[in-house]
Amino acid sequence: MKKVLAAVGVTAGAASAVLLAPAALSVAGFTSAGIAASSAAASMMSSAAIANGGGVAAGSLVAVLQSAGAAGLSASMTAAVGSVGGVVGGVAGWFLGRGKKPLKPPSIPRFLSPKN
């Protein structure tokens, strides 16, 4: 049962991570039209620009997330998101599957047990 729950967790985690990543980017403010005003993405971009003297560095987290929000996830990003989701789902499935051992029925004291 443990292995089944871990396998289900890996599959569910990978699939849901890939399906929910675009929605999460949009909610954070990384949209296809650019960075949404007054969003977490706008705050990140402002911080990155201040830290880099006025511009956002190519290849930085903000730049990569904006690219993903504007154009969608590339094949390599989809694989990475799916891998991370699979690991998280597998760990969750493992934790759910390890549970407590089934309880043994109480033993009958020797002086009450039937004699053979």
N, C-alpha and C. Protein backbone atom coordinates (compact mmCIF):
# COMPACT_ATOMS: atom_id res chain seq x y z
N MET A 1 0.82 -1.19 0.00
CA MET A 1 0.00 0.00 0.00
C MET A 1 0.87 1.26 0.00
N LYS A 2 2.02 1.17 0.70
CA LYS A 2 2.91 2.32 0.76
C LYS A 2 3.40 2.71 -0.63
N LYS A 3 3.78 1.70 -1.40
CA LYS A 3 4.31 1.97 -2.73
C LYS A 3 3.24 2.53 -3.65
N VAL A 4 2.02 2.06 -3.49
CA VAL A 4 0.91 2.55 -4.33
C VAL A 4 0.65 4.02 -4.02
N LEU A 5 0.59 4.37 -2.73
CA LEU A 5 0.36 5.76 -2.36
C LEU A 5 1.49 6.66 -2.82
N ALA A 6 2.71 6.18 -2.75
CA ALA A 6 3.84 6.98 -3.22
C ALA A 6 3.76 7.18 -4.73
N ALA A 7 3.40 6.13 -5.48
CA ALA A 7 3.28 6.24 -6.93
C ALA A 7 2.14 7.19 -7.32
N VAL A 8 1.03 7.08 -6.62
CA VAL A 8 -0.10 7.98 -6.88
C VAL A 8 0.31 9.41 -6.56
N GLY A 9 1.05 9.59 -5.47
CA GLY A 9 1.51 10.93 -5.10
C GLY A 9 2.44 11.53 -6.13
N VAL A 10 3.35 10.72 -6.65
CA VAL A 10 4.27 11.21 -7.70
C VAL A 10 3.48 11.66 -8.92
N THR A 11 2.56 10.81 -9.36
CA THR A 11 1.78 11.13 -10.56
C THR A 11 0.91 12.37 -10.35
N ALA A 12 0.20 12.40 -9.24
CA ALA A 12 -0.68 13.54 -8.97
C ALA A 12 0.13 14.81 -8.77
N GLY A 13 1.25 14.72 -8.07
CA GLY A 13 2.08 15.90 -7.84
C GLY A 13 2.66 16.46 -9.13
N ALA A 14 3.15 15.59 -9.99
CA ALA A 14 3.73 16.05 -11.26
C ALA A 14 2.66 16.68 -12.15
N ALA A 15 1.53 16.00 -12.28
CA ALA A 15 0.46 16.51 -13.14
C ALA A 15 -0.11 17.82 -12.63
N SER A 16 -0.38 17.89 -11.34
CA SER A 16 -0.98 19.11 -10.81
C SER A 16 0.01 20.28 -10.86
N ALA A 17 1.28 20.02 -10.64
CA ALA A 17 2.27 21.10 -10.70
C ALA A 17 2.34 21.68 -12.10
N VAL A 18 2.34 20.82 -13.11
CA VAL A 18 2.41 21.29 -14.49
C VAL A 18 1.14 22.04 -14.88
N LEU A 19 0.00 21.55 -14.42
CA LEU A 19 -1.27 22.19 -14.77
C LEU A 19 -1.49 23.50 -14.01
N LEU A 20 -1.02 23.57 -12.78
CA LEU A 20 -1.28 24.75 -11.96
C LEU A 20 -0.21 25.83 -12.07
N ALA A 21 0.94 25.52 -12.63
CA ALA A 21 2.02 26.51 -12.72
C ALA A 21 1.61 27.77 -13.49
N PRO A 22 0.97 27.65 -14.67
CA PRO A 22 0.55 28.88 -15.36
C PRO A 22 -0.43 29.72 -14.55
N ALA A 23 -1.34 29.07 -13.84
CA ALA A 23 -2.30 29.80 -13.02
C ALA A 23 -1.59 30.51 -11.87
N ALA A 24 -0.62 29.82 -11.27
CA ALA A 24 0.13 30.42 -10.16
C ALA A 24 0.93 31.63 -10.64
N LEU A 25 1.52 31.54 -11.82
CA LEU A 25 2.25 32.68 -12.38
C LEU A 25 1.32 33.86 -12.59
N SER A 26 0.14 33.60 -13.12
CA SER A 26 -0.83 34.65 -13.38
C SER A 26 -1.30 35.31 -12.08
N VAL A 27 -1.57 34.50 -11.07
CA VAL A 27 -2.00 35.03 -9.78
C VAL A 27 -0.91 35.90 -9.16
N ALA A 28 0.34 35.50 -9.34
CA ALA A 28 1.46 36.28 -8.80
C ALA A 28 1.68 37.58 -9.56
N GLY A 29 1.11 37.69 -10.76
CA GLY A 29 1.23 38.92 -11.54
C GLY A 29 2.07 38.80 -12.79
N PHE A 30 2.55 37.61 -13.11
CA PHE A 30 3.31 37.38 -14.34
C PHE A 30 2.33 36.95 -15.42
N THR A 31 1.76 37.91 -16.14
CA THR A 31 0.71 37.63 -17.12
C THR A 31 1.25 37.69 -18.55
N SER A 32 0.43 37.27 -19.50
CA SER A 32 0.84 37.30 -20.91
C SER A 32 0.97 38.73 -21.42
N ALA A 33 0.33 39.67 -20.74
CA ALA A 33 0.42 41.08 -21.14
C ALA A 33 1.55 41.82 -20.43
N GLY A 34 2.29 41.12 -19.58
CA GLY A 34 3.37 41.75 -18.83
C GLY A 34 3.12 41.63 -17.35
N ILE A 35 3.91 42.35 -16.58
CA ILE A 35 3.76 42.29 -15.13
C ILE A 35 2.61 43.19 -14.70
N ALA A 36 1.70 42.61 -13.91
CA ALA A 36 0.52 43.34 -13.45
C ALA A 36 0.91 44.35 -12.37
N ALA A 37 0.30 45.53 -12.46
CA ALA A 37 0.58 46.58 -11.48
C ALA A 37 0.11 46.15 -10.09
N SER A 38 0.81 46.59 -9.08
CA SER A 38 0.49 46.33 -7.67
C SER A 38 0.40 44.85 -7.33
N SER A 39 1.19 44.03 -7.99
CA SER A 39 1.19 42.59 -7.73
C SER A 39 2.51 42.18 -7.08
N ALA A 40 2.57 40.94 -6.68
CA ALA A 40 3.82 40.41 -6.14
C ALA A 40 4.92 40.48 -7.20
N ALA A 41 4.56 40.25 -8.45
CA ALA A 41 5.54 40.33 -9.54
C ALA A 41 6.09 41.74 -9.68
N ALA A 42 5.23 42.75 -9.52
CA ALA A 42 5.68 44.14 -9.62
C ALA A 42 6.65 44.47 -8.48
N SER A 43 6.35 43.95 -7.28
CA SER A 43 7.24 44.17 -6.14
C SER A 43 8.59 43.49 -6.37
N MET A 44 8.55 42.26 -6.90
CA MET A 44 9.80 41.55 -7.20
C MET A 44 10.62 42.29 -8.24
N MET A 45 9.93 42.79 -9.27
CA MET A 45 10.64 43.49 -10.35
C MET A 45 11.26 44.78 -9.82
N SER A 46 10.54 45.50 -8.98
CA SER A 46 11.07 46.72 -8.40
C SER A 46 12.31 46.44 -7.55
N SER A 47 12.24 45.41 -6.73
CA SER A 47 13.39 45.05 -5.89
C SER A 47 14.59 44.65 -6.73
N ALA A 48 14.33 43.87 -7.78
CA ALA A 48 15.42 43.42 -8.65
C ALA A 48 16.05 44.60 -9.38
N ALA A 49 15.22 45.53 -9.83
CA ALA A 49 15.74 46.70 -10.55
C ALA A 49 16.58 47.58 -9.62
N ILE A 50 16.11 47.78 -8.39
CA ILE A 50 16.87 48.59 -7.44
C ILE A 50 18.21 47.92 -7.12
N ALA A 51 18.18 46.60 -6.95
CA ALA A 51 19.40 45.87 -6.61
C ALA A 51 20.41 45.88 -7.75
N ASN A 52 19.93 45.99 -9.00
CA ASN A 52 20.82 45.95 -10.16
C ASN A 52 21.06 47.32 -10.78
N GLY A 53 20.78 48.36 -10.04
CA GLY A 53 21.07 49.70 -10.54
C GLY A 53 20.09 50.20 -11.58
N GLY A 54 18.87 49.73 -11.57
CA GLY A 54 17.85 50.28 -12.47
C GLY A 54 17.31 49.32 -13.51
N GLY A 55 17.89 48.18 -13.69
CA GLY A 55 17.39 47.23 -14.68
C GLY A 55 17.31 45.83 -14.10
N VAL A 56 16.52 45.00 -14.74
CA VAL A 56 16.39 43.60 -14.31
C VAL A 56 17.39 42.78 -15.12
N ALA A 57 18.23 42.04 -14.45
CA ALA A 57 19.27 41.26 -15.12
C ALA A 57 18.65 40.12 -15.91
N ALA A 58 19.17 39.89 -17.11
CA ALA A 58 18.73 38.76 -17.92
C ALA A 58 19.08 37.47 -17.19
N GLY A 59 18.15 36.53 -17.19
CA GLY A 59 18.38 35.26 -16.54
C GLY A 59 18.06 35.25 -15.06
N SER A 60 17.66 36.42 -14.51
CA SER A 60 17.30 36.47 -13.09
C SER A 60 15.94 35.80 -12.90
N LEU A 61 15.59 35.56 -11.65
CA LEU A 61 14.32 34.91 -11.34
C LEU A 61 13.15 35.70 -11.92
N VAL A 62 13.17 37.01 -11.78
CA VAL A 62 12.08 37.84 -12.30
C VAL A 62 12.00 37.71 -13.82
N ALA A 63 13.13 37.73 -14.49
CA ALA A 63 13.14 37.62 -15.95
C ALA A 63 12.62 36.26 -16.41
N VAL A 64 13.03 35.20 -15.73
CA VAL A 64 12.58 33.85 -16.10
C VAL A 64 11.08 33.69 -15.86
N LEU A 65 10.60 34.17 -14.71
CA LEU A 65 9.16 34.07 -14.43
C LEU A 65 8.34 34.92 -15.38
N GLN A 66 8.83 36.11 -15.75
CA GLN A 66 8.11 36.95 -16.71
C GLN A 66 8.05 36.27 -18.07
N SER A 67 9.13 35.66 -18.47
CA SER A 67 9.15 34.93 -19.73
C SER A 67 8.13 33.79 -19.71
N ALA A 68 8.09 33.06 -18.61
CA ALA A 68 7.14 31.96 -18.49
C ALA A 68 5.71 32.47 -18.46
N GLY A 69 5.47 33.60 -17.79
CA GLY A 69 4.13 34.17 -17.75
C GLY A 69 3.68 34.69 -19.09
N ALA A 70 4.60 35.25 -19.87
CA ALA A 70 4.25 35.82 -21.17
C ALA A 70 4.11 34.76 -22.25
N ALA A 71 5.03 33.82 -22.29
CA ALA A 71 5.04 32.85 -23.40
C ALA A 71 4.64 31.45 -22.99
N GLY A 72 4.44 31.21 -21.71
CA GLY A 72 4.15 29.86 -21.24
C GLY A 72 5.44 29.15 -20.87
N LEU A 73 5.28 27.99 -20.29
CA LEU A 73 6.44 27.23 -19.85
C LEU A 73 7.11 26.54 -21.03
N SER A 74 8.43 26.63 -21.09
CA SER A 74 9.17 25.90 -22.12
C SER A 74 9.18 24.42 -21.76
N ALA A 75 9.67 23.59 -22.65
CA ALA A 75 9.73 22.15 -22.38
C ALA A 75 10.60 21.85 -21.17
N SER A 76 11.74 22.54 -21.07
CA SER A 76 12.63 22.28 -19.93
C SER A 76 12.02 22.78 -18.62
N MET A 77 11.32 23.91 -18.66
CA MET A 77 10.66 24.40 -17.46
C MET A 77 9.50 23.48 -17.06
N THR A 78 8.78 22.96 -18.05
CA THR A 78 7.70 22.02 -17.75
C THR A 78 8.26 20.77 -17.10
N ALA A 79 9.38 20.28 -17.60
CA ALA A 79 10.01 19.10 -17.02
C ALA A 79 10.46 19.38 -15.59
N ALA A 80 11.04 20.55 -15.36
CA ALA A 80 11.52 20.90 -14.02
C ALA A 80 10.35 21.03 -13.05
N VAL A 81 9.30 21.71 -13.46
CA VAL A 81 8.12 21.88 -12.60
C VAL A 81 7.48 20.52 -12.31
N GLY A 82 7.38 19.68 -13.33
CA GLY A 82 6.82 18.34 -13.14
C GLY A 82 7.67 17.49 -12.22
N SER A 83 8.97 17.61 -12.33
CA SER A 83 9.88 16.84 -11.47
C SER A 83 9.75 17.26 -10.00
N VAL A 84 9.72 18.56 -9.78
CA VAL A 84 9.56 19.05 -8.40
C VAL A 84 8.20 18.63 -7.85
N GLY A 85 7.15 18.77 -8.67
CA GLY A 85 5.82 18.33 -8.23
C GLY A 85 5.77 16.85 -7.94
N GLY A 86 6.46 16.07 -8.75
CA GLY A 86 6.51 14.62 -8.53
C GLY A 86 7.21 14.26 -7.23
N VAL A 87 8.30 14.95 -6.94
CA VAL A 87 9.02 14.69 -5.68
C VAL A 87 8.14 15.05 -4.49
N VAL A 88 7.52 16.23 -4.56
CA VAL A 88 6.65 16.66 -3.45
C VAL A 88 5.48 15.68 -3.28
N GLY A 89 4.87 15.28 -4.40
CA GLY A 89 3.76 14.32 -4.32
C GLY A 89 4.21 12.97 -3.81
N GLY A 90 5.38 12.52 -4.22
CA GLY A 90 5.90 11.24 -3.75
C GLY A 90 6.18 11.24 -2.25
N VAL A 91 6.75 12.33 -1.77
CA VAL A 91 7.01 12.45 -0.34
C VAL A 91 5.69 12.48 0.43
N ALA A 92 4.71 13.22 -0.08
CA ALA A 92 3.40 13.26 0.57
C ALA A 92 2.75 11.88 0.59
N GLY A 93 2.83 11.17 -0.53
CA GLY A 93 2.28 9.82 -0.59
C GLY A 93 2.98 8.87 0.36
N TRP A 94 4.29 9.02 0.48
CA TRP A 94 5.05 8.17 1.40
C TRP A 94 4.61 8.44 2.83
N PHE A 95 4.47 9.73 3.19
CA PHE A 95 4.03 10.06 4.55
C PHE A 95 2.63 9.53 4.83
N LEU A 96 1.75 9.64 3.85
CA LEU A 96 0.39 9.13 4.05
C LEU A 96 0.37 7.61 4.15
N GLY A 97 1.26 6.95 3.44
CA GLY A 97 1.28 5.49 3.42
C GLY A 97 1.98 4.86 4.60
N ARG A 98 2.77 5.62 5.30
CA ARG A 98 3.52 4.98 6.38
C ARG A 98 2.67 4.76 7.61
N GLY A 99 1.68 5.59 7.86
CA GLY A 99 0.70 5.42 8.93
C GLY A 99 1.15 4.57 10.11
N LYS A 100 0.25 4.29 10.99
CA LYS A 100 0.56 3.45 12.15
C LYS A 100 0.30 1.99 11.80
N LYS A 101 1.02 1.13 12.47
CA LYS A 101 0.82 -0.30 12.26
C LYS A 101 -0.54 -0.68 12.81
N PRO A 102 -1.19 -1.67 12.19
CA PRO A 102 -2.50 -2.08 12.71
C PRO A 102 -2.36 -2.61 14.14
N LEU A 103 -3.37 -2.35 14.91
CA LEU A 103 -3.35 -2.80 16.30
C LEU A 103 -3.55 -4.30 16.38
N LYS A 104 -2.84 -4.93 17.30
CA LYS A 104 -3.04 -6.36 17.55
C LYS A 104 -4.17 -6.50 18.56
N PRO A 105 -4.92 -7.58 18.44
CA PRO A 105 -5.96 -7.77 19.45
C PRO A 105 -5.30 -7.99 20.81
N PRO A 106 -5.97 -7.58 21.86
CA PRO A 106 -5.35 -7.74 23.17
C PRO A 106 -5.15 -9.22 23.49
N SER A 107 -4.08 -9.51 24.16
CA SER A 107 -3.81 -10.90 24.51
C SER A 107 -4.61 -11.28 25.76
N ILE A 108 -4.98 -12.53 25.80
CA ILE A 108 -5.74 -13.04 26.94
C ILE A 108 -4.73 -13.45 28.00
N PRO A 109 -4.93 -12.99 29.23
CA PRO A 109 -3.99 -13.42 30.27
C PRO A 109 -3.96 -14.95 30.38
N ARG A 110 -2.80 -15.46 30.71
CA ARG A 110 -2.60 -16.91 30.72
C ARG A 110 -3.57 -17.62 31.68
N PHE A 111 -3.87 -17.00 32.80
CA PHE A 111 -4.73 -17.68 33.75
C PHE A 111 -6.19 -17.73 33.28
N LEU A 112 -6.55 -16.90 32.25
CA LEU A 112 -7.92 -16.95 31.72
C LEU A 112 -8.04 -17.79 30.46
N SER A 113 -6.92 -18.09 29.84
CA SER A 113 -6.98 -18.82 28.57
C SER A 113 -7.40 -20.26 28.80
N PRO A 114 -8.14 -20.82 27.83
CA PRO A 114 -8.56 -22.21 27.99
C PRO A 114 -7.35 -23.14 27.96
N LYS A 115 -7.40 -24.15 28.80
CA LYS A 115 -6.28 -25.11 28.86
C LYS A 115 -6.51 -26.21 27.85
N ASN A 116 -5.42 -26.59 27.24
CA ASN A 116 -5.51 -27.67 26.25
C ASN A 116 -5.31 -29.00 26.90
